[in-house]
Amino acid sequence: MHQLNVLILGPDSFISTLNELKSYLKFNFSIDNNNIETNLINNFNVLFFHQKILEDKANKDIISNSKTIKILVSEKNEKNNSYDAFLKLPTTISEINSTIDSCAARKTFSSNSSIKIKEYYLDKNEKKLTDKTNFIILTEKEIQLLELFLNNKKPISKNKILSLVWHYSSDADTHTVETHIYRLRKKIKDKFSNEKFILNTKDGYYF
């Protein structure tokens, strides 16, 4: 997992303590107590905030509506189901690291478990494409192809696919792309009777 970017919000004493521990923490930390905005928070992977921040209703609403991972920290037992985790102060460096890490891992696992593609669902954790009745097992390259088509609205050329999925490896060429897409199309046709899942024009392949 790439190093996570964490935004710290809280009173000066809370921030000062975390600053002293910064070199022992596994994550990139930023501090901005004067500009709590939705756009700011959503630029971070994790929001690590002290209970006192919630005393301002505007802050509380912004935090609650954010899609960022939210970890509440407090001296009191302030557990709240609207947040992803709770840490009781005093805590340890190990607990901070493990809580942030486990929350990020859970979110990644969850986001990979049900990616909608047309009328199907891709589960990257189990490497399955399903229509809730039938499913096919996918290879890692097939998953990468599906994600590539999903994230691009226009046809993608064979050379671009080769660059993005195979990184121009010495044992790959445009024939490799054609072969993988042919096999993926066949899997989908055989299991779902769908011949128009992956389309193509002179400009390339697309959904």
N, C-alpha and C. Protein backbone atom coordinates (compact mmCIF):
# COMPACT_ATOMS: atom_id res chain seq x y z
N MET A 1 0.85 -1.19 0.00
CA MET A 1 0.00 0.00 0.00
C MET A 1 0.89 1.24 0.00
N HIS A 2 0.50 2.29 -0.81
CA HIS A 2 1.29 3.51 -0.83
C HIS A 2 1.15 4.22 0.51
N GLN A 3 2.10 5.12 0.79
CA GLN A 3 2.04 5.82 2.07
C GLN A 3 0.82 6.73 2.09
N LEU A 4 0.06 6.63 3.16
CA LEU A 4 -1.19 7.37 3.27
C LEU A 4 -0.96 8.82 3.66
N ASN A 5 -1.84 9.69 3.19
CA ASN A 5 -1.81 11.10 3.58
C ASN A 5 -2.91 11.34 4.61
N VAL A 6 -2.51 11.81 5.78
CA VAL A 6 -3.43 11.96 6.91
C VAL A 6 -3.52 13.43 7.30
N LEU A 7 -4.75 13.92 7.46
CA LEU A 7 -4.97 15.30 7.92
C LEU A 7 -5.32 15.26 9.40
N ILE A 8 -4.58 16.04 10.20
CA ILE A 8 -4.81 16.12 11.65
C ILE A 8 -5.60 17.38 11.97
N LEU A 9 -6.65 17.22 12.75
CA LEU A 9 -7.45 18.35 13.23
C LEU A 9 -7.62 18.23 14.73
N GLY A 10 -7.39 19.32 15.47
CA GLY A 10 -7.54 19.25 16.91
C GLY A 10 -6.95 20.47 17.60
N PRO A 11 -7.07 20.54 18.92
CA PRO A 11 -6.51 21.65 19.68
C PRO A 11 -4.99 21.65 19.60
N ASP A 12 -4.39 22.77 19.96
CA ASP A 12 -2.94 22.94 19.83
C ASP A 12 -2.17 21.86 20.58
N SER A 13 -2.62 21.49 21.79
CA SER A 13 -1.90 20.49 22.58
C SER A 13 -1.88 19.14 21.87
N PHE A 14 -2.99 18.79 21.25
CA PHE A 14 -3.11 17.53 20.51
C PHE A 14 -2.17 17.52 19.31
N ILE A 15 -2.18 18.62 18.58
CA ILE A 15 -1.33 18.74 17.39
C ILE A 15 0.15 18.76 17.77
N SER A 16 0.46 19.45 18.84
CA SER A 16 1.85 19.53 19.30
C SER A 16 2.40 18.15 19.66
N THR A 17 1.58 17.35 20.34
CA THR A 17 2.00 15.99 20.71
C THR A 17 2.26 15.15 19.47
N LEU A 18 1.36 15.21 18.49
CA LEU A 18 1.54 14.42 17.27
C LEU A 18 2.75 14.89 16.47
N ASN A 19 3.01 16.19 16.50
CA ASN A 19 4.20 16.71 15.81
C ASN A 19 5.47 16.12 16.41
N GLU A 20 5.49 15.96 17.72
CA GLU A 20 6.66 15.38 18.39
C GLU A 20 6.84 13.91 18.01
N LEU A 21 5.73 13.24 17.70
CA LEU A 21 5.78 11.81 17.36
C LEU A 21 5.92 11.56 15.87
N LYS A 22 5.92 12.62 15.08
CA LYS A 22 5.80 12.50 13.63
C LYS A 22 6.82 11.54 13.00
N SER A 23 8.03 11.57 13.49
CA SER A 23 9.08 10.73 12.90
C SER A 23 8.86 9.24 13.16
N TYR A 24 7.99 8.92 14.13
CA TYR A 24 7.72 7.52 14.46
C TYR A 24 6.45 6.99 13.78
N LEU A 25 5.73 7.87 13.12
CA LEU A 25 4.48 7.47 12.50
C LEU A 25 4.70 7.06 11.05
N LYS A 26 3.88 6.13 10.57
CA LYS A 26 4.09 5.51 9.26
C LYS A 26 3.47 6.31 8.11
N PHE A 27 2.88 7.44 8.41
CA PHE A 27 2.09 8.13 7.42
C PHE A 27 2.51 9.57 7.22
N ASN A 28 2.11 10.14 6.10
CA ASN A 28 2.35 11.56 5.85
C ASN A 28 1.28 12.37 6.57
N PHE A 29 1.69 13.27 7.45
CA PHE A 29 0.73 14.05 8.22
C PHE A 29 0.74 15.51 7.77
N SER A 30 -0.45 16.09 7.70
CA SER A 30 -0.59 17.52 7.45
C SER A 30 -1.52 18.10 8.51
N ILE A 31 -1.36 19.38 8.78
CA ILE A 31 -2.17 20.05 9.81
C ILE A 31 -2.78 21.31 9.22
N ASP A 32 -4.09 21.49 9.41
CA ASP A 32 -4.75 22.71 8.92
C ASP A 32 -6.03 22.92 9.70
N ASN A 33 -5.94 23.59 10.83
CA ASN A 33 -7.12 23.81 11.67
C ASN A 33 -7.91 25.05 11.28
N ASN A 34 -7.34 25.86 10.41
CA ASN A 34 -7.99 27.13 10.07
C ASN A 34 -8.78 27.07 8.77
N ASN A 35 -8.79 25.92 8.13
CA ASN A 35 -9.43 25.83 6.81
C ASN A 35 -10.10 24.48 6.63
N ILE A 36 -11.06 24.19 7.50
CA ILE A 36 -11.75 22.90 7.44
C ILE A 36 -12.84 22.98 6.37
N GLU A 37 -12.51 22.48 5.19
CA GLU A 37 -13.44 22.50 4.07
C GLU A 37 -13.54 21.10 3.47
N THR A 38 -14.68 20.83 2.84
CA THR A 38 -14.90 19.51 2.23
C THR A 38 -13.83 19.20 1.21
N ASN A 39 -13.51 20.15 0.33
CA ASN A 39 -12.50 19.90 -0.71
C ASN A 39 -11.14 19.60 -0.13
N LEU A 40 -10.80 20.27 0.97
CA LEU A 40 -9.52 20.02 1.63
C LEU A 40 -9.49 18.61 2.19
N ILE A 41 -10.52 18.25 2.96
CA ILE A 41 -10.56 16.94 3.61
C ILE A 41 -10.53 15.81 2.58
N ASN A 42 -11.26 15.98 1.48
CA ASN A 42 -11.34 14.91 0.48
C ASN A 42 -10.04 14.69 -0.27
N ASN A 43 -9.07 15.57 -0.10
CA ASN A 43 -7.75 15.38 -0.72
C ASN A 43 -6.87 14.43 0.08
N PHE A 44 -7.34 14.03 1.27
CA PHE A 44 -6.56 13.15 2.14
C PHE A 44 -7.19 11.77 2.21
N ASN A 45 -6.37 10.77 2.51
CA ASN A 45 -6.87 9.40 2.67
C ASN A 45 -7.56 9.22 4.01
N VAL A 46 -7.04 9.92 5.03
CA VAL A 46 -7.55 9.72 6.39
C VAL A 46 -7.66 11.07 7.10
N LEU A 47 -8.76 11.23 7.86
CA LEU A 47 -8.93 12.39 8.73
C LEU A 47 -8.81 11.90 10.17
N PHE A 48 -7.81 12.42 10.89
CA PHE A 48 -7.52 12.01 12.26
C PHE A 48 -7.80 13.22 13.14
N PHE A 49 -8.93 13.22 13.86
CA PHE A 49 -9.38 14.45 14.50
C PHE A 49 -9.78 14.26 15.95
N HIS A 50 -9.55 15.32 16.72
CA HIS A 50 -9.88 15.34 18.14
C HIS A 50 -11.34 15.72 18.33
N GLN A 51 -11.94 15.19 19.38
CA GLN A 51 -13.34 15.44 19.71
C GLN A 51 -13.69 16.93 19.76
N LYS A 52 -12.76 17.76 20.22
CA LYS A 52 -13.04 19.19 20.39
C LYS A 52 -13.39 19.88 19.07
N ILE A 53 -12.90 19.33 17.96
CA ILE A 53 -13.21 19.91 16.65
C ILE A 53 -14.70 19.85 16.37
N LEU A 54 -15.37 18.84 16.93
CA LEU A 54 -16.80 18.63 16.67
C LEU A 54 -17.69 19.60 17.45
N GLU A 55 -17.10 20.38 18.35
CA GLU A 55 -17.89 21.35 19.12
C GLU A 55 -18.42 22.46 18.21
N ASP A 56 -17.75 22.67 17.08
CA ASP A 56 -18.22 23.60 16.06
C ASP A 56 -19.13 22.83 15.10
N LYS A 57 -20.43 23.19 15.05
CA LYS A 57 -21.39 22.43 14.25
C LYS A 57 -21.00 22.40 12.78
N ALA A 58 -20.47 23.51 12.27
CA ALA A 58 -20.07 23.54 10.86
C ALA A 58 -18.97 22.51 10.59
N ASN A 59 -18.00 22.42 11.49
CA ASN A 59 -16.94 21.42 11.36
C ASN A 59 -17.51 20.02 11.41
N LYS A 60 -18.42 19.80 12.35
CA LYS A 60 -19.03 18.47 12.52
C LYS A 60 -19.75 18.03 11.26
N ASP A 61 -20.50 18.96 10.64
CA ASP A 61 -21.24 18.64 9.41
C ASP A 61 -20.30 18.32 8.26
N ILE A 62 -19.24 19.11 8.12
CA ILE A 62 -18.28 18.89 7.04
C ILE A 62 -17.61 17.53 7.20
N ILE A 63 -17.17 17.23 8.42
CA ILE A 63 -16.51 15.95 8.69
C ILE A 63 -17.46 14.78 8.45
N SER A 64 -18.68 14.88 8.93
CA SER A 64 -19.64 13.79 8.80
C SER A 64 -19.97 13.50 7.35
N ASN A 65 -20.00 14.54 6.51
CA ASN A 65 -20.37 14.36 5.11
C ASN A 65 -19.19 14.00 4.21
N SER A 66 -18.00 14.00 4.78
CA SER A 66 -16.81 13.67 3.99
C SER A 66 -16.73 12.18 3.71
N LYS A 67 -16.18 11.83 2.55
CA LYS A 67 -16.00 10.42 2.18
C LYS A 67 -14.64 9.89 2.64
N THR A 68 -13.83 10.77 3.21
CA THR A 68 -12.52 10.37 3.71
C THR A 68 -12.67 9.47 4.94
N ILE A 69 -11.72 8.57 5.15
CA ILE A 69 -11.71 7.75 6.36
C ILE A 69 -11.63 8.67 7.58
N LYS A 70 -12.51 8.46 8.55
CA LYS A 70 -12.60 9.36 9.70
C LYS A 70 -12.27 8.60 11.00
N ILE A 71 -11.26 9.07 11.71
CA ILE A 71 -10.87 8.46 12.98
C ILE A 71 -11.00 9.51 14.09
N LEU A 72 -11.91 9.24 15.02
CA LEU A 72 -12.17 10.15 16.14
C LEU A 72 -11.26 9.82 17.31
N VAL A 73 -10.67 10.86 17.91
CA VAL A 73 -9.78 10.69 19.06
C VAL A 73 -10.32 11.52 20.22
N SER A 74 -10.39 10.92 21.42
CA SER A 74 -10.95 11.65 22.56
C SER A 74 -10.46 11.08 23.89
N GLU A 75 -10.46 11.92 24.91
CA GLU A 75 -10.17 11.46 26.26
C GLU A 75 -11.38 10.73 26.85
N LYS A 76 -12.55 10.98 26.28
CA LYS A 76 -13.79 10.37 26.76
C LYS A 76 -14.17 9.20 25.85
N ASN A 77 -15.10 8.39 26.33
CA ASN A 77 -15.61 7.31 25.48
C ASN A 77 -16.66 7.88 24.54
N GLU A 78 -16.18 8.40 23.41
CA GLU A 78 -17.05 9.11 22.48
C GLU A 78 -17.31 8.30 21.21
N LYS A 79 -17.41 7.00 21.32
CA LYS A 79 -17.59 6.17 20.13
C LYS A 79 -18.83 6.61 19.36
N ASN A 80 -18.68 6.64 18.03
CA ASN A 80 -19.77 7.09 17.16
C ASN A 80 -19.75 6.25 15.89
N ASN A 81 -20.87 5.64 15.56
CA ASN A 81 -20.93 4.74 14.41
C ASN A 81 -20.78 5.45 13.07
N SER A 82 -20.87 6.77 13.08
CA SER A 82 -20.73 7.49 11.82
C SER A 82 -19.27 7.66 11.42
N TYR A 83 -18.34 7.27 12.30
CA TYR A 83 -16.92 7.34 11.99
C TYR A 83 -16.34 5.93 11.82
N ASP A 84 -15.18 5.87 11.19
CA ASP A 84 -14.59 4.57 10.86
C ASP A 84 -13.87 3.92 12.03
N ALA A 85 -13.40 4.74 12.97
CA ALA A 85 -12.69 4.18 14.13
C ALA A 85 -12.64 5.21 15.25
N PHE A 86 -12.34 4.72 16.45
CA PHE A 86 -12.24 5.58 17.62
C PHE A 86 -10.98 5.19 18.39
N LEU A 87 -10.24 6.22 18.84
CA LEU A 87 -9.07 6.00 19.68
C LEU A 87 -9.24 6.76 20.99
N LYS A 88 -9.09 6.05 22.08
CA LYS A 88 -9.21 6.65 23.42
C LYS A 88 -7.84 7.16 23.85
N LEU A 89 -7.80 8.43 24.27
CA LEU A 89 -6.56 9.00 24.78
C LEU A 89 -6.43 8.74 26.28
N PRO A 90 -5.20 8.52 26.79
CA PRO A 90 -3.95 8.46 26.03
C PRO A 90 -3.84 7.18 25.20
N THR A 91 -3.08 7.28 24.10
CA THR A 91 -2.89 6.13 23.23
C THR A 91 -1.40 5.97 22.96
N THR A 92 -1.06 5.04 22.10
CA THR A 92 0.35 4.77 21.80
C THR A 92 0.63 4.96 20.31
N ILE A 93 1.90 5.08 19.98
CA ILE A 93 2.30 5.19 18.57
C ILE A 93 1.84 3.96 17.80
N SER A 94 2.00 2.80 18.40
CA SER A 94 1.60 1.56 17.75
C SER A 94 0.09 1.54 17.46
N GLU A 95 -0.71 2.01 18.41
CA GLU A 95 -2.16 2.03 18.22
C GLU A 95 -2.57 3.01 17.12
N ILE A 96 -1.90 4.14 17.07
CA ILE A 96 -2.20 5.12 16.01
C ILE A 96 -1.89 4.52 14.65
N ASN A 97 -0.69 3.95 14.51
CA ASN A 97 -0.29 3.36 13.24
C ASN A 97 -1.21 2.22 12.81
N SER A 98 -1.52 1.33 13.74
CA SER A 98 -2.32 0.15 13.39
C SER A 98 -3.76 0.54 13.08
N THR A 99 -4.32 1.53 13.78
CA THR A 99 -5.69 1.96 13.53
C THR A 99 -5.83 2.59 12.15
N ILE A 100 -4.92 3.47 11.82
CA ILE A 100 -4.96 4.12 10.50
C ILE A 100 -4.75 3.08 9.40
N ASP A 101 -3.79 2.20 9.61
CA ASP A 101 -3.48 1.18 8.60
C ASP A 101 -4.67 0.24 8.38
N SER A 102 -5.29 -0.22 9.46
CA SER A 102 -6.40 -1.18 9.33
C SER A 102 -7.63 -0.52 8.71
N CYS A 103 -7.89 0.73 9.03
CA CYS A 103 -9.01 1.44 8.43
C CYS A 103 -8.82 1.59 6.91
N ALA A 104 -7.62 1.94 6.52
CA ALA A 104 -7.33 2.09 5.09
C ALA A 104 -7.45 0.76 4.36
N ALA A 105 -6.97 -0.31 5.00
CA ALA A 105 -7.05 -1.65 4.38
C ALA A 105 -8.50 -2.09 4.22
N ARG A 106 -9.33 -1.82 5.24
CA ARG A 106 -10.75 -2.19 5.16
C ARG A 106 -11.45 -1.44 4.04
N LYS A 107 -11.13 -0.16 3.90
CA LYS A 107 -11.77 0.63 2.86
C LYS A 107 -11.36 0.14 1.48
N THR A 108 -10.07 -0.17 1.32
CA THR A 108 -9.60 -0.69 0.04
C THR A 108 -10.27 -2.01 -0.29
N PHE A 109 -10.37 -2.90 0.69
CA PHE A 109 -11.00 -4.20 0.48
C PHE A 109 -12.46 -4.01 0.08
N SER A 110 -13.15 -3.12 0.79
CA SER A 110 -14.56 -2.88 0.51
C SER A 110 -14.77 -2.27 -0.87
N SER A 111 -13.94 -1.30 -1.24
CA SER A 111 -14.10 -0.64 -2.53
C SER A 111 -13.78 -1.58 -3.69
N ASN A 112 -12.96 -2.60 -3.42
CA ASN A 112 -12.62 -3.57 -4.47
C ASN A 112 -13.65 -4.68 -4.62
N SER A 113 -14.60 -4.77 -3.69
CA SER A 113 -15.49 -5.93 -3.65
C SER A 113 -16.70 -5.81 -4.56
N SER A 114 -17.04 -4.60 -4.99
CA SER A 114 -18.23 -4.46 -5.82
C SER A 114 -18.12 -3.24 -6.73
N ILE A 115 -17.44 -3.42 -7.85
CA ILE A 115 -17.28 -2.35 -8.83
C ILE A 115 -18.25 -2.62 -9.97
N LYS A 116 -19.19 -1.70 -10.20
CA LYS A 116 -20.22 -1.92 -11.22
C LYS A 116 -19.67 -1.64 -12.61
N ILE A 117 -19.83 -2.60 -13.50
CA ILE A 117 -19.45 -2.46 -14.90
C ILE A 117 -20.64 -2.91 -15.74
N LYS A 118 -21.31 -1.95 -16.35
CA LYS A 118 -22.55 -2.23 -17.08
C LYS A 118 -23.52 -2.93 -16.13
N GLU A 119 -24.04 -4.12 -16.52
CA GLU A 119 -24.97 -4.83 -15.63
C GLU A 119 -24.26 -5.88 -14.78
N TYR A 120 -22.95 -5.79 -14.69
CA TYR A 120 -22.15 -6.77 -13.96
C TYR A 120 -21.45 -6.11 -12.78
N TYR A 121 -20.88 -6.95 -11.91
CA TYR A 121 -20.11 -6.46 -10.76
C TYR A 121 -18.75 -7.15 -10.75
N LEU A 122 -17.71 -6.34 -10.61
CA LEU A 122 -16.35 -6.84 -10.53
C LEU A 122 -15.91 -6.88 -9.08
N ASP A 123 -15.49 -8.04 -8.62
CA ASP A 123 -14.93 -8.20 -7.28
C ASP A 123 -13.44 -8.47 -7.45
N LYS A 124 -12.64 -7.44 -7.20
CA LYS A 124 -11.20 -7.58 -7.39
C LYS A 124 -10.57 -8.47 -6.33
N ASN A 125 -11.17 -8.52 -5.15
CA ASN A 125 -10.64 -9.36 -4.08
C ASN A 125 -10.72 -10.83 -4.45
N GLU A 126 -11.85 -11.24 -5.04
CA GLU A 126 -12.04 -12.64 -5.42
C GLU A 126 -11.77 -12.88 -6.89
N LYS A 127 -11.44 -11.81 -7.62
CA LYS A 127 -11.15 -11.89 -9.06
C LYS A 127 -12.33 -12.49 -9.83
N LYS A 128 -13.53 -11.95 -9.56
CA LYS A 128 -14.75 -12.44 -10.20
C LYS A 128 -15.47 -11.32 -10.92
N LEU A 129 -16.09 -11.68 -12.04
CA LEU A 129 -17.07 -10.83 -12.68
C LEU A 129 -18.39 -11.58 -12.61
N THR A 130 -19.43 -10.93 -12.06
CA THR A 130 -20.67 -11.64 -11.82
C THR A 130 -21.87 -10.82 -12.24
N ASP A 131 -22.96 -11.50 -12.56
CA ASP A 131 -24.24 -10.84 -12.79
C ASP A 131 -25.22 -11.21 -11.70
N LYS A 132 -24.69 -11.64 -10.55
CA LYS A 132 -25.43 -12.06 -9.36
C LYS A 132 -26.05 -13.46 -9.52
N THR A 133 -25.92 -14.03 -10.71
CA THR A 133 -26.39 -15.41 -10.93
C THR A 133 -25.23 -16.29 -11.33
N ASN A 134 -24.50 -15.84 -12.33
CA ASN A 134 -23.32 -16.55 -12.82
C ASN A 134 -22.09 -15.69 -12.60
N PHE A 135 -20.92 -16.32 -12.69
CA PHE A 135 -19.69 -15.55 -12.57
C PHE A 135 -18.58 -16.21 -13.37
N ILE A 136 -17.58 -15.42 -13.68
CA ILE A 136 -16.36 -15.94 -14.30
C ILE A 136 -15.19 -15.50 -13.43
N ILE A 137 -14.13 -16.31 -13.44
CA ILE A 137 -12.89 -15.97 -12.74
C ILE A 137 -11.97 -15.26 -13.71
N LEU A 138 -11.39 -14.16 -13.25
CA LEU A 138 -10.55 -13.33 -14.10
C LEU A 138 -9.07 -13.43 -13.71
N THR A 139 -8.22 -13.21 -14.69
CA THR A 139 -6.79 -13.09 -14.41
C THR A 139 -6.49 -11.65 -14.01
N GLU A 140 -5.30 -11.41 -13.49
CA GLU A 140 -4.92 -10.06 -13.10
C GLU A 140 -4.93 -9.11 -14.29
N LYS A 141 -4.45 -9.58 -15.45
CA LYS A 141 -4.44 -8.74 -16.65
C LYS A 141 -5.85 -8.43 -17.12
N GLU A 142 -6.75 -9.39 -17.01
CA GLU A 142 -8.14 -9.17 -17.42
C GLU A 142 -8.79 -8.12 -16.53
N ILE A 143 -8.49 -8.15 -15.24
CA ILE A 143 -9.01 -7.13 -14.32
C ILE A 143 -8.47 -5.75 -14.71
N GLN A 144 -7.18 -5.69 -15.03
CA GLN A 144 -6.58 -4.42 -15.43
C GLN A 144 -7.21 -3.89 -16.71
N LEU A 145 -7.53 -4.78 -17.63
CA LEU A 145 -8.19 -4.37 -18.87
C LEU A 145 -9.58 -3.79 -18.57
N LEU A 146 -10.34 -4.48 -17.74
CA LEU A 146 -11.68 -4.01 -17.40
C LEU A 146 -11.64 -2.64 -16.73
N GLU A 147 -10.70 -2.45 -15.81
CA GLU A 147 -10.58 -1.16 -15.12
C GLU A 147 -10.17 -0.06 -16.10
N LEU A 148 -9.32 -0.41 -17.04
CA LEU A 148 -8.87 0.56 -18.03
C LEU A 148 -10.04 1.03 -18.89
N PHE A 149 -10.86 0.10 -19.36
CA PHE A 149 -12.02 0.46 -20.17
C PHE A 149 -13.04 1.24 -19.34
N LEU A 150 -13.19 0.85 -18.09
CA LEU A 150 -14.16 1.49 -17.21
C LEU A 150 -13.79 2.96 -16.96
N ASN A 151 -12.50 3.23 -16.86
CA ASN A 151 -12.04 4.57 -16.50
C ASN A 151 -11.80 5.48 -17.71
N ASN A 152 -12.05 4.96 -18.89
CA ASN A 152 -11.88 5.76 -20.11
C ASN A 152 -13.17 5.75 -20.91
N LYS A 153 -13.61 6.91 -21.32
CA LYS A 153 -14.87 7.03 -22.04
C LYS A 153 -14.71 6.80 -23.54
N LYS A 154 -13.49 6.96 -24.03
CA LYS A 154 -13.24 6.84 -25.47
C LYS A 154 -12.50 5.54 -25.77
N PRO A 155 -12.56 5.07 -27.04
CA PRO A 155 -11.80 3.87 -27.42
C PRO A 155 -10.31 4.04 -27.12
N ILE A 156 -9.68 2.94 -26.69
CA ILE A 156 -8.26 2.96 -26.34
C ILE A 156 -7.50 2.10 -27.34
N SER A 157 -6.47 2.65 -27.93
CA SER A 157 -5.71 1.93 -28.95
C SER A 157 -4.93 0.76 -28.35
N LYS A 158 -4.56 -0.17 -29.22
CA LYS A 158 -3.79 -1.34 -28.76
C LYS A 158 -2.46 -0.90 -28.17
N ASN A 159 -1.83 0.09 -28.79
CA ASN A 159 -0.53 0.55 -28.28
C ASN A 159 -0.65 1.19 -26.90
N LYS A 160 -1.75 1.93 -26.69
CA LYS A 160 -1.94 2.55 -25.38
C LYS A 160 -2.24 1.48 -24.33
N ILE A 161 -3.03 0.48 -24.69
CA ILE A 161 -3.31 -0.63 -23.77
C ILE A 161 -2.01 -1.34 -23.41
N LEU A 162 -1.19 -1.55 -24.43
CA LEU A 162 0.10 -2.22 -24.22
C LEU A 162 0.97 -1.43 -23.25
N SER A 163 0.95 -0.11 -23.40
CA SER A 163 1.74 0.75 -22.52
C SER A 163 1.22 0.74 -21.09
N LEU A 164 -0.11 0.84 -20.92
CA LEU A 164 -0.69 0.98 -19.60
C LEU A 164 -0.80 -0.33 -18.83
N VAL A 165 -1.02 -1.43 -19.53
CA VAL A 165 -1.22 -2.72 -18.87
C VAL A 165 0.05 -3.57 -18.86
N TRP A 166 0.76 -3.58 -19.96
CA TRP A 166 1.97 -4.43 -20.05
C TRP A 166 3.26 -3.62 -19.93
N HIS A 167 3.14 -2.29 -19.94
CA HIS A 167 4.32 -1.41 -19.79
C HIS A 167 5.40 -1.74 -20.81
N TYR A 168 4.93 -2.10 -22.00
CA TYR A 168 5.85 -2.42 -23.10
C TYR A 168 6.90 -3.45 -22.71
N SER A 169 6.49 -4.48 -21.98
CA SER A 169 7.44 -5.52 -21.59
C SER A 169 7.96 -6.23 -22.84
N SER A 170 9.15 -6.80 -22.73
CA SER A 170 9.84 -7.37 -23.89
C SER A 170 9.09 -8.53 -24.53
N ASP A 171 8.22 -9.21 -23.75
CA ASP A 171 7.51 -10.37 -24.29
C ASP A 171 6.07 -10.02 -24.70
N ALA A 172 5.77 -8.73 -24.85
CA ALA A 172 4.41 -8.32 -25.21
C ALA A 172 4.41 -7.44 -26.45
N ASP A 173 3.40 -7.61 -27.30
CA ASP A 173 3.17 -6.74 -28.44
C ASP A 173 1.67 -6.60 -28.63
N THR A 174 1.24 -5.94 -29.70
CA THR A 174 -0.19 -5.72 -29.89
C THR A 174 -0.94 -7.03 -30.07
N HIS A 175 -0.25 -8.07 -30.52
CA HIS A 175 -0.89 -9.38 -30.64
C HIS A 175 -1.27 -9.90 -29.24
N THR A 176 -0.45 -9.58 -28.24
CA THR A 176 -0.74 -9.96 -26.86
C THR A 176 -2.05 -9.32 -26.41
N VAL A 177 -2.23 -8.05 -26.73
CA VAL A 177 -3.47 -7.34 -26.39
C VAL A 177 -4.66 -8.02 -27.05
N GLU A 178 -4.55 -8.29 -28.35
CA GLU A 178 -5.64 -8.92 -29.09
C GLU A 178 -6.01 -10.28 -28.50
N THR A 179 -4.99 -11.05 -28.15
CA THR A 179 -5.21 -12.40 -27.61
C THR A 179 -5.94 -12.33 -26.27
N HIS A 180 -5.51 -11.44 -25.38
CA HIS A 180 -6.15 -11.32 -24.07
C HIS A 180 -7.60 -10.84 -24.18
N ILE A 181 -7.83 -9.89 -25.06
CA ILE A 181 -9.20 -9.38 -25.23
C ILE A 181 -10.08 -10.45 -25.87
N TYR A 182 -9.52 -11.22 -26.81
CA TYR A 182 -10.28 -12.32 -27.42
C TYR A 182 -10.70 -13.33 -26.35
N ARG A 183 -9.77 -13.71 -25.48
CA ARG A 183 -10.06 -14.69 -24.43
C ARG A 183 -11.09 -14.14 -23.43
N LEU A 184 -10.96 -12.87 -23.09
CA LEU A 184 -11.90 -12.25 -22.15
C LEU A 184 -13.29 -12.18 -22.76
N ARG A 185 -13.37 -11.79 -24.02
CA ARG A 185 -14.66 -11.75 -24.71
C ARG A 185 -15.30 -13.13 -24.75
N LYS A 186 -14.48 -14.15 -25.00
CA LYS A 186 -15.01 -15.51 -25.09
C LYS A 186 -15.56 -15.98 -23.73
N LYS A 187 -14.83 -15.68 -22.66
CA LYS A 187 -15.31 -16.01 -21.30
C LYS A 187 -16.69 -15.40 -21.05
N ILE A 188 -16.81 -14.12 -21.41
CA ILE A 188 -18.05 -13.40 -21.15
C ILE A 188 -19.18 -13.92 -22.03
N LYS A 189 -18.87 -14.20 -23.29
CA LYS A 189 -19.89 -14.74 -24.19
C LYS A 189 -20.35 -16.11 -23.74
N ASP A 190 -19.42 -16.98 -23.36
CA ASP A 190 -19.77 -18.34 -22.96
C ASP A 190 -20.61 -18.37 -21.68
N LYS A 191 -20.30 -17.49 -20.72
CA LYS A 191 -21.00 -17.53 -19.44
C LYS A 191 -22.25 -16.64 -19.41
N PHE A 192 -22.16 -15.47 -20.03
CA PHE A 192 -23.25 -14.51 -19.94
C PHE A 192 -24.02 -14.31 -21.26
N SER A 193 -23.57 -14.99 -22.31
CA SER A 193 -24.19 -14.84 -23.64
C SER A 193 -24.21 -13.39 -24.10
N ASN A 194 -23.15 -12.68 -23.79
CA ASN A 194 -23.04 -11.27 -24.14
C ASN A 194 -21.89 -11.08 -25.12
N GLU A 195 -22.23 -10.74 -26.35
CA GLU A 195 -21.20 -10.55 -27.38
C GLU A 195 -20.79 -9.09 -27.54
N LYS A 196 -21.42 -8.20 -26.78
CA LYS A 196 -21.15 -6.77 -26.96
C LYS A 196 -20.62 -6.12 -25.69
N PHE A 197 -19.98 -6.91 -24.85
CA PHE A 197 -19.45 -6.37 -23.61
C PHE A 197 -18.26 -5.45 -23.87
N ILE A 198 -17.30 -5.94 -24.66
CA ILE A 198 -16.16 -5.12 -25.07
C ILE A 198 -16.34 -4.81 -26.55
N LEU A 199 -16.43 -3.54 -26.88
CA LEU A 199 -16.65 -3.11 -28.26
C LEU A 199 -15.34 -2.57 -28.83
N ASN A 200 -15.30 -2.42 -30.12
CA ASN A 200 -14.10 -1.83 -30.73
C ASN A 200 -14.44 -1.11 -32.03
N THR A 201 -13.64 -0.10 -32.32
CA THR A 201 -13.70 0.63 -33.57
C THR A 201 -12.28 0.70 -34.11
N LYS A 202 -12.09 1.43 -35.19
CA LYS A 202 -10.74 1.58 -35.75
C LYS A 202 -9.81 2.30 -34.76
N ASP A 203 -10.41 3.01 -33.79
CA ASP A 203 -9.60 3.75 -32.80
C ASP A 203 -9.20 2.92 -31.59
N GLY A 204 -9.84 1.75 -31.42
CA GLY A 204 -9.45 0.91 -30.28
C GLY A 204 -10.64 0.25 -29.62
N TYR A 205 -10.41 -0.21 -28.38
CA TYR A 205 -11.41 -0.97 -27.62
C TYR A 205 -12.05 -0.07 -26.56
N TYR A 206 -13.31 -0.41 -26.23
CA TYR A 206 -14.02 0.37 -25.22
C TYR A 206 -15.25 -0.43 -24.76
N PHE A 207 -15.91 0.07 -23.69
CA PHE A 207 -17.18 -0.50 -23.23
C PHE A 207 -18.32 0.17 -23.97
